[in-house]
Protein backbone atom coordinates (compact mmCIF):
# COMPACT_ATOMS: atom_id res chain seq x y z
CA MET A 1 137.76 113.39 147.22
CA LEU A 2 134.22 114.76 147.98
CA GLY A 3 132.88 117.76 145.95
CA MET A 4 130.09 118.66 143.90
CA HIS A 5 130.32 118.34 140.09
CA ARG A 6 131.97 120.94 138.10
CA SER A 7 133.48 122.16 141.57
CA GLY A 8 136.92 121.05 140.31
CA THR A 9 137.44 117.81 141.53
CA SER A 10 139.43 116.54 138.78
CA ALA A 11 142.10 118.94 139.14
CA VAL A 12 142.64 118.46 142.47
CA ALA A 13 142.55 114.68 141.93
CA ARG A 14 144.97 114.81 139.14
CA TYR A 15 147.45 116.96 141.47
CA LEU A 16 147.02 114.00 143.98
CA CYS A 17 148.17 111.56 141.77
CA SER A 18 151.15 113.74 140.58
CA LEU A 19 152.14 113.48 144.27
CA GLY A 20 152.17 109.56 144.02
CA GLY A 21 148.24 109.14 144.41
CA PHE A 22 146.84 105.85 143.02
CA VAL A 23 143.19 105.93 141.01
CA GLY A 24 143.75 102.68 138.99
CA ARG A 25 145.25 101.73 135.83
CA ASP A 26 144.53 103.67 132.51
CA ASP A 27 141.20 101.04 131.61
CA ASP A 28 139.92 101.21 135.27
CA LEU A 29 139.57 104.90 134.25
CA MET A 30 136.00 106.64 132.54
CA PRO A 31 138.22 108.19 129.56
CA ALA A 32 138.73 112.32 128.53
CA ARG A 33 135.39 114.14 127.17
CA PRO A 34 135.39 117.38 125.30
CA ASP A 35 133.58 118.97 128.79
CA ASN A 36 136.79 117.38 130.45
CA PRO A 37 139.71 116.85 128.10
CA LEU A 38 142.78 115.89 130.56
CA GLY A 39 140.50 112.94 131.74
CA PHE A 40 137.86 112.67 135.14
CA TYR A 41 140.24 110.48 137.14
CA GLU A 42 136.98 108.58 138.40
CA ARG A 43 137.21 104.74 138.01
CA VAL A 44 134.30 102.93 136.00
CA ASP A 45 133.63 100.04 138.77
CA THR A 46 133.23 103.13 141.19
CA ALA A 47 130.67 105.27 139.09
CA ALA A 48 128.86 102.10 138.11
CA LEU A 49 128.40 101.33 142.12
CA ASN A 50 127.22 104.74 142.89
CA ASP A 51 124.52 104.59 140.13
CA ASP A 52 123.53 101.70 141.34
CA VAL A 53 123.03 102.56 144.56
CA LEU A 54 121.34 105.93 143.04
CA GLU A 55 118.90 104.11 141.28
CA ALA A 56 118.18 101.85 143.84
CA ALA A 57 117.16 105.02 146.27
CA GLY A 58 114.71 105.92 143.34
CA VAL A 59 116.87 109.03 142.36
CA ASP A 60 119.84 109.83 139.82
CA TRP A 61 123.02 112.08 140.80
CA SER A 62 121.01 115.75 139.42
CA THR A 63 117.77 114.67 141.91
CA ALA A 64 119.07 113.26 144.71
CA GLU A 65 118.68 115.05 148.83
CA GLY A 66 118.47 113.42 152.07
CA ASP A 67 119.55 110.21 153.61
CA LEU A 68 119.51 107.46 150.81
CA ALA A 69 120.70 104.92 153.06
CA THR A 70 116.99 104.56 154.52
CA ARG A 71 115.59 104.02 150.89
CA PHE A 72 116.81 100.77 150.49
CA SER A 73 116.48 97.20 152.24
CA ALA A 74 119.52 96.02 154.67
CA GLY A 75 120.05 92.87 151.61
CA GLN A 76 121.30 95.76 149.40
CA PHE A 77 122.85 97.86 151.47
CA GLU A 78 125.21 95.01 152.45
CA ARG A 79 125.65 93.68 148.96
CA PHE A 80 126.65 97.51 147.65
CA ARG A 81 128.75 97.69 150.56
CA MET A 82 130.19 94.17 149.43
CA ARG A 83 131.04 95.91 146.20
CA ALA A 84 132.51 99.15 147.64
CA ARG A 85 135.14 97.12 149.55
CA ALA A 86 136.35 94.89 146.18
CA ILE A 87 137.02 98.48 144.97
CA VAL A 88 138.99 99.47 147.55
CA GLU A 89 141.06 96.55 148.22
CA GLY A 90 141.68 97.39 144.14
CA LEU A 91 143.49 100.27 144.78
CA ASP A 92 146.70 98.60 145.16
CA GLY A 93 148.88 101.09 143.58
CA ALA A 94 152.33 99.13 144.50
CA GLY A 95 152.89 101.68 147.42
CA ARG A 96 151.32 104.31 145.78
CA PHE A 97 148.46 105.65 148.15
CA PRO A 98 145.04 105.29 147.09
CA VAL A 99 143.00 108.40 145.80
CA LEU A 100 139.01 107.90 145.58
CA LYS A 101 137.24 110.46 143.31
CA ASP A 102 133.56 110.35 142.56
CA PRO A 103 131.49 113.58 142.68
CA ARG A 104 128.62 111.45 143.93
CA LEU A 105 130.40 109.78 146.69
CA ALA A 106 128.80 112.79 148.36
CA LEU A 107 125.49 111.37 148.49
CA THR A 108 126.08 107.70 148.28
CA LEU A 109 129.28 107.81 150.91
CA PRO A 110 127.24 105.92 153.86
CA VAL A 111 127.70 102.72 151.60
CA TRP A 112 131.19 103.93 151.26
CA ARG A 113 132.51 104.33 155.11
CA THR A 114 132.68 100.89 156.17
CA ALA A 115 134.82 99.88 153.46
CA LEU A 116 136.98 102.76 153.15
CA GLY A 117 138.45 102.68 156.76
CA GLU A 118 140.40 105.34 157.80
CA CYS A 119 141.44 108.28 155.62
CA ALA A 120 141.72 112.09 154.74
CA TRP A 121 139.12 114.24 153.19
CA ILE A 122 139.51 116.77 150.92
CA VAL A 123 136.85 118.92 149.78
CA SER A 124 137.02 121.07 146.63
CA ALA A 125 134.60 123.68 146.33
CA ARG A 126 133.97 126.31 144.06
CA ASP A 127 131.34 129.01 143.68
CA ALA A 128 128.10 127.69 143.59
CA ARG A 129 127.21 130.21 141.13
CA ASP A 130 129.77 129.11 138.60
CA VAL A 131 128.87 125.27 139.37
CA ALA A 132 125.35 126.59 138.46
CA SER A 133 126.65 128.23 135.12
CA SER A 134 128.61 125.04 133.93
CA LEU A 135 126.02 122.71 134.74
CA ILE A 136 123.70 124.73 132.69
CA ARG A 137 125.89 125.01 129.77
CA ARG A 138 127.02 120.55 130.03
CA ASN A 139 123.32 119.36 131.17
CA GLY A 140 120.79 121.40 130.42
CA PHE A 141 119.39 122.37 133.68
CA THR A 142 117.75 125.67 135.19
CA ARG A 143 119.77 127.59 137.52
CA THR A 144 117.03 127.21 140.12
CA HIS A 145 117.80 123.01 139.80
CA ALA A 146 121.63 123.60 139.26
CA LEU A 147 121.89 125.95 143.09
CA ALA A 148 119.47 123.56 144.97
CA LEU A 149 121.29 120.28 143.56
CA CYS A 150 124.84 122.61 144.91
CA GLU A 151 122.90 122.73 148.31
CA SER A 152 121.85 118.83 148.38
CA TYR A 153 125.63 117.90 147.53
CA LEU A 154 126.97 120.26 150.17
CA THR A 155 124.84 119.14 152.84
CA SER A 156 125.09 115.12 152.35
CA ILE A 157 129.13 116.12 152.68
CA THR A 158 128.53 118.17 156.05
CA SER A 159 126.66 115.02 157.07
CA ALA A 160 128.72 112.35 155.66
CA VAL A 161 131.68 113.87 157.39
CA ALA A 162 130.53 114.96 160.11
CA GLY A 163 132.70 115.25 163.16
CA GLU A 164 135.99 115.08 160.99
CA GLU A 165 138.25 117.04 159.82
CA VAL A 166 138.09 117.94 156.25
CA LEU A 167 140.72 119.87 154.01
CA VAL A 168 138.52 122.39 152.17
CA VAL A 169 140.37 123.33 148.89
CA SER A 170 138.67 126.32 146.59
CA TYR A 171 138.81 125.89 142.96
CA GLU A 172 139.17 129.44 142.92
CA ARG A 173 142.20 130.21 145.12
CA LEU A 174 143.85 126.75 143.89
CA LEU A 175 143.35 128.43 140.09
CA GLU A 176 144.43 132.01 141.45
CA HIS A 177 147.07 130.82 144.11
CA THR A 178 148.19 126.97 142.23
CA GLU A 179 151.09 127.00 144.56
CA ALA A 180 149.73 127.86 147.61
CA GLU A 181 147.08 125.82 147.29
CA CYS A 182 148.97 122.83 146.34
CA GLY A 183 151.40 123.46 149.47
CA ARG A 184 147.90 123.29 151.49
CA ILE A 185 147.15 119.99 150.44
CA ARG A 186 150.84 118.07 150.67
CA ALA A 187 151.41 119.55 153.84
CA TYR A 188 148.06 117.91 155.22
CA LEU A 189 148.95 114.59 153.57
CA THR A 190 152.38 114.62 154.81
CA SER A 191 150.76 115.37 158.76
CA LEU A 192 148.44 111.95 158.20
CA GLY A 193 151.98 110.34 157.55
CA VAL A 194 150.90 109.50 154.03
CA ALA A 195 154.19 109.47 152.09
CA VAL A 196 154.09 111.86 149.08
CA GLU A 197 156.13 112.60 146.02
CA GLU A 198 158.22 115.70 145.24
CA PRO A 199 156.73 116.74 141.70
CA SER A 200 159.12 117.58 139.86
CA GLY A 201 159.18 120.91 137.34
CA GLY A 202 156.13 121.26 135.23
CA VAL A 203 153.65 119.08 137.32
CA LEU A 204 151.86 122.00 138.88
CA GLU A 205 151.54 123.58 135.27
CA SER A 206 150.30 120.50 133.93
CA ALA A 207 147.92 119.35 136.22
CA ILE A 208 146.03 122.83 137.46
CA ARG A 209 144.92 124.20 133.92
CA PRO A 210 143.40 127.27 134.85
CA GLU A 211 142.34 127.60 131.06
CA LEU A 212 140.44 124.51 131.24
CA ARG A 213 137.87 126.86 133.60
CA ASN A 214 134.70 125.91 132.51
CA GLU A 215 132.11 128.50 133.56
CA VAL A 216 132.24 132.02 135.44
CA SER A 217 129.00 133.36 136.48
CA ALA A 218 127.94 136.25 134.52
CA LEU A 219 125.76 138.10 137.87
CA GLY A 220 128.95 137.07 140.05
CA GLU A 221 128.11 137.61 143.32
CA GLU A 222 125.45 140.02 142.95
CA GLU A 223 123.02 136.53 142.24
CA VAL A 224 121.33 136.05 145.53
CA LEU A 225 121.50 132.54 146.57
CA PRO A 226 119.42 130.50 148.40
CA ALA A 227 119.87 131.02 152.13
CA GLY A 228 121.05 127.81 153.14
CA LEU A 229 123.41 127.29 150.30
CA ALA A 230 124.58 131.15 150.90
CA GLY A 231 125.22 129.99 154.29
CA LEU A 232 127.28 126.83 153.31
CA GLU A 233 129.35 129.11 151.06
CA ALA A 234 130.41 131.28 153.79
CA ARG A 235 131.43 128.55 155.62
CA LEU A 236 133.65 126.92 153.14
CA SER A 237 134.54 130.03 151.68
CA GLN A 238 136.33 130.39 155.53
CA ALA A 239 137.16 126.79 155.07
CA GLY A 240 139.56 126.76 152.06
CA ARG A 241 141.36 129.99 153.70
CA GLU A 242 142.47 128.14 156.84
CA PRO A 243 145.87 126.58 156.74
CA GLY A 244 145.03 123.39 157.55
CA PRO A 245 141.80 120.94 158.10
CA VAL A 246 138.57 121.62 159.56
CA VAL A 247 135.83 120.56 161.04
CA LEU A 248 132.16 121.36 158.81
CA PRO A 249 129.16 121.57 161.08
CA VAL A 250 126.29 119.54 160.08
CA THR A 251 123.84 121.40 157.79
CA GLU A 252 120.30 120.82 156.65
CA ILE A 253 119.28 121.26 152.77
CA GLY A 254 116.26 124.12 152.60
CA ARG A 255 112.82 123.78 151.72
CA HIS A 256 112.83 125.68 148.61
CA SER A 257 115.94 123.16 147.54
CA ARG A 258 114.23 120.19 148.54
CA GLU A 259 111.11 121.12 146.88
CA VAL A 260 113.15 122.18 143.57
CA LEU A 261 114.80 118.44 143.59
CA GLU A 262 111.32 116.63 144.28
CA LEU A 263 110.39 118.67 140.91
CA ALA A 264 113.26 118.08 139.68
CA ARG A 265 113.16 113.94 140.01
CA GLN A 266 109.47 114.37 138.80
CA ALA A 267 110.68 115.60 135.54
CA VAL A 268 113.41 112.82 135.35
CA GLY A 269 110.92 110.14 136.10
CA ASN A 270 108.59 111.91 133.02
CA ARG A 271 112.00 112.34 131.14
CA ASP A 272 112.58 108.41 132.22
CA ARG A 273 109.07 107.58 131.31
CA LEU A 274 109.30 109.65 128.06
CA ARG A 275 112.55 107.89 126.80
CA GLU A 276 110.91 103.71 127.74
CA LEU A 277 108.06 105.06 125.68
CA GLU A 278 110.83 106.17 122.62
CA ILE A 279 112.94 102.85 123.65
CA HIS A 280 109.76 100.83 123.13
CA HIS A 281 108.90 102.85 119.91
CA ARG A 282 111.98 102.37 118.48
CA ARG A 283 111.39 98.88 119.14
CA LEU A 284 108.19 99.04 117.35
CA VAL A 285 109.85 100.51 114.66
CA GLU A 286 112.33 98.24 114.44
CA THR A 287 110.11 95.61 114.89
CA LEU A 288 108.04 96.96 112.08
CA GLU A 289 111.18 97.28 109.62
CA ARG A 290 112.32 93.73 110.11
CA ARG A 291 108.66 92.61 109.31
CA TYR A 292 108.66 95.11 106.63
CA ASP A 293 111.89 93.66 105.14
CA GLU A 294 111.05 90.29 105.98
CA LEU A 295 107.43 90.75 104.23
CA PHE A 296 109.52 92.79 101.08
CA GLN A 297 112.19 90.14 100.97
CA ARG A 298 109.20 87.69 100.86
CA ARG A 299 107.67 90.20 98.37
CA GLU A 300 110.61 90.15 96.32
CA GLY A 301 110.77 86.28 96.24
CA GLU A 302 107.03 86.00 95.49
CA ILE A 303 107.68 88.96 92.34
CA ALA A 304 110.57 86.57 90.92
CA ALA A 305 108.45 83.41 91.31
CA LEU A 306 105.49 85.41 89.06
CA GLU A 307 108.07 87.27 86.98
CA LYS A 308 109.06 83.71 86.05
CA GLU A 309 105.67 82.26 86.30
CA ILE A 310 104.80 85.29 83.82
CA SER A 311 108.08 84.22 81.81
CA VAL A 312 106.90 80.52 81.32
CA ARG A 313 103.19 81.68 80.56
CA GLN A 314 104.77 84.15 78.36
CA ARG A 315 106.48 81.75 76.55
CA GLU A 316 103.38 79.30 76.18
CA ILE A 317 101.56 82.35 75.55
CA ALA A 318 104.40 83.11 72.52
CA ASP A 319 103.96 79.01 71.48
CA ARG A 320 99.94 79.62 71.87
CA ASP A 321 99.64 82.67 69.44
CA ARG A 322 102.39 80.33 66.72
CA GLU A 323 99.81 77.92 66.85
CA ILE A 324 97.08 80.33 66.69
CA ASP A 325 98.36 81.70 63.10
CA ARG A 326 99.20 78.59 62.16
CA LEU A 327 96.16 77.21 63.00
CA VAL A 328 94.66 80.73 61.50
CA GLU A 329 96.52 79.67 57.98
CA THR A 330 95.06 76.43 58.32
CA GLU A 331 91.73 77.80 58.40
CA ARG A 332 92.20 79.81 55.60
CA ALA A 333 93.47 77.67 53.42
CA ALA A 334 90.89 75.39 54.24
CA GLN A 335 88.26 78.35 54.42
CA GLY A 336 89.29 78.73 50.47
CA ARG A 337 89.33 75.00 50.15
CA ARG A 338 85.42 75.55 51.07
CA ASP A 339 84.67 78.47 49.50
CA LEU A 340 86.20 76.47 46.13
CA LEU A 341 83.80 73.71 46.82
CA LEU A 342 81.31 75.55 47.66
CA ALA A 343 81.51 77.58 44.49
CA ASN A 344 81.98 74.24 43.20
CA ALA A 345 78.56 73.21 44.73
CA ALA A 346 76.53 76.24 43.87
CA ARG A 347 77.70 75.58 40.26
CA ASP A 348 76.61 71.97 40.29
CA LEU A 349 73.42 73.26 42.37
CA ASP A 350 72.70 75.51 39.41
CA GLU A 351 73.52 72.55 37.10
CA GLN A 352 71.42 70.39 38.55
CA ARG A 353 68.59 73.07 38.92
CA ARG A 354 68.58 73.71 35.53
CA GLY A 355 68.47 69.70 35.08
CA ARG A 356 65.75 69.50 37.22
CA ASP A 357 63.71 73.14 35.32
CA LEU A 358 64.77 70.86 32.19
CA ALA A 359 63.57 67.39 33.81
CA VAL A 360 60.29 69.27 35.21
CA THR A 361 59.50 70.47 31.62
CA GLU A 362 60.52 67.05 30.03
CA SER A 363 58.17 65.22 32.93
CA THR A 364 55.42 68.00 31.72
CA GLU A 365 55.58 67.06 28.27
CA LEU A 366 56.06 63.62 29.41
CA ARG A 367 52.88 63.83 31.65
CA GLY A 368 51.41 65.65 28.33
CA GLU A 369 52.62 62.38 25.79
CA VAL A 370 51.25 59.97 29.01
CA GLY A 371 48.03 61.65 29.02
CA ARG A 372 47.87 61.64 25.33
CA LEU A 373 48.72 57.96 25.38
CA GLU A 374 46.68 57.48 27.84
CA ARG A 375 43.80 58.93 26.09
CA LEU A 376 44.73 56.38 23.04
CA VAL A 377 44.82 53.51 25.71
CA GLU A 378 41.34 54.92 26.66
CA GLN A 379 40.54 54.45 22.92
CA CYS A 380 42.19 51.53 22.04
CA ASP A 381 40.58 50.04 25.04
CA ASP A 382 37.20 51.47 23.56
CA ALA A 383 38.18 50.02 20.14
CA LYS A 384 38.81 46.94 22.40
CA ALA A 385 35.80 47.01 23.83
CA ARG A 386 34.04 47.77 20.35
CA LEU A 387 35.79 45.40 18.35
CA ARG A 388 35.03 42.30 21.12
CA ASN A 389 31.44 43.44 21.10
CA GLU A 390 31.61 43.37 17.26
CA LEU A 391 33.40 40.04 17.29
CA ARG A 392 30.94 38.29 20.43
CA SER A 393 28.63 39.62 17.52
CA THR A 394 29.91 38.43 14.65
CA THR A 395 30.80 35.35 16.34
CA ALA A 396 27.68 34.52 17.70
CA GLU A 397 26.38 34.97 14.01
CA LEU A 398 28.85 32.94 12.95
CA GLU A 399 28.02 30.40 15.38
CA ALA A 400 24.94 30.77 13.84
CA ALA A 401 25.37 30.39 10.85
CA LEU A 402 27.63 27.29 11.52
CA ALA A 403 24.98 25.94 13.21
CA VAL A 404 22.86 26.47 9.67
CA VAL A 405 25.54 25.15 7.80
CA LYS A 406 25.57 22.47 10.34
CA ASP A 407 22.09 21.97 9.46
CA LEU A 408 22.68 21.97 6.05
CA GLU A 409 25.24 19.91 5.86
CA ALA A 410 23.18 17.26 8.15
CA SER A 411 20.92 17.90 5.41
CA ARG A 412 22.76 17.92 2.21
CA PRO A 413 25.74 15.88 0.20
CA VAL A 414 29.55 16.08 1.30
CA ARG A 415 31.03 17.65 -1.40
CA TRP A 416 28.52 20.75 -0.89
CA SER A 417 28.75 20.89 2.95
CA ARG A 418 32.66 20.88 1.79
CA ALA A 419 32.23 23.51 -0.74
CA VAL A 420 30.41 25.26 2.03
CA ARG A 421 32.99 25.38 4.65
CA SER A 422 35.67 26.59 1.96
CA ALA A 423 33.52 29.25 1.09
CA MET A 424 33.00 30.13 4.96
CA GLY A 425 36.71 29.68 5.12
CA GLY A 426 37.37 26.42 6.27
CA SER A 427 40.54 23.55 5.64
CA GLY A 428 40.24 21.59 2.82
CA ARG A 429 40.40 21.54 -1.11
CA SER A 430 38.39 23.98 -3.14
CA LYS A 431 35.69 23.40 -4.88
CA PRO A 432 36.23 23.09 -8.42
CA GLN A 433 34.82 25.45 -10.67
CA SER A 434 31.74 24.67 -12.51
């Protein structure tokens, strides 16, 4: 199943499955999305392989053009071919005919050809203007880019199936003349010997849903298409009116469309670079946030430890405050005692001062008395000296008198000497009165 994105390939694949085709089990398929609510009928492994092939060629589904097989090595080509063969071998639907569908097959078909072997080709064709409008709405492409991409896919299809018969199904005719177009598909498969089932009542209505048609170009046929794309559109439109398969002539993409896709590749490269920068930025932000969380948690732990330490310090401060209060009270009591002692000491000092003053007064009086006594002593000493001198003089006189007396005694009678001694104060009896 070949065709450009948004050209009705899902509707045709859905009808093929109603005829007995097998694309895979439900878990093999891409899930439905709002832009394709009935499902894509594409295998996840097929899409993954096609994406890898495009990435190896340095493009993606929105910028590819030309022969991609020449853009990667033989080893890569062989690995891709082996993966394609494994996928094709897995399309065993227990007697049902296999169906392989992915719009990117138009670009990667050279990798799949040897794995597919002999097969029937069905190409879904839709007005490129409507395809461009749908891509603009879904992917935000410019109209020039969308039309160039249509030309790239269609020229790739003509090159991939060169010389082989293909059945071209017009998406517009499929919606407007559903029974006739579905009859063409059944007749084509039957002519190739494919065992198809007769669809039961209501199958066409459930498989082909005109109300799901996404976009119709507002300009319609008035829009001028690139020359190469206009020629392809005309040939595909003619082939879609043929009752059976046709051989499509090989065409090449125009220079203008190639340049547009080259610019698109550059834009995708810039977008990828921007995405890498965004991823790098997001990782940096995540790293910073993780680092911030670690630091925040560490800080919280440190804050908790500090708060605990502060609580301990506050308790210690409270204990110290109580101790200080106790010491202050003790100091106040001691100060009171000191004040009392100082008052007592001052009183004692005053008393001592008064006693000292009294002692000084008494000392002064004593010194005066001592001076008087000293003067008396001096007077006594003088008197003693005079008395001593007088005594000496008297003694000398007495000694002289005594000597005279002795001389007299020696010359007079003893009785007389006694009388003289008695008169002089000597010992012995007094001389009798005469």
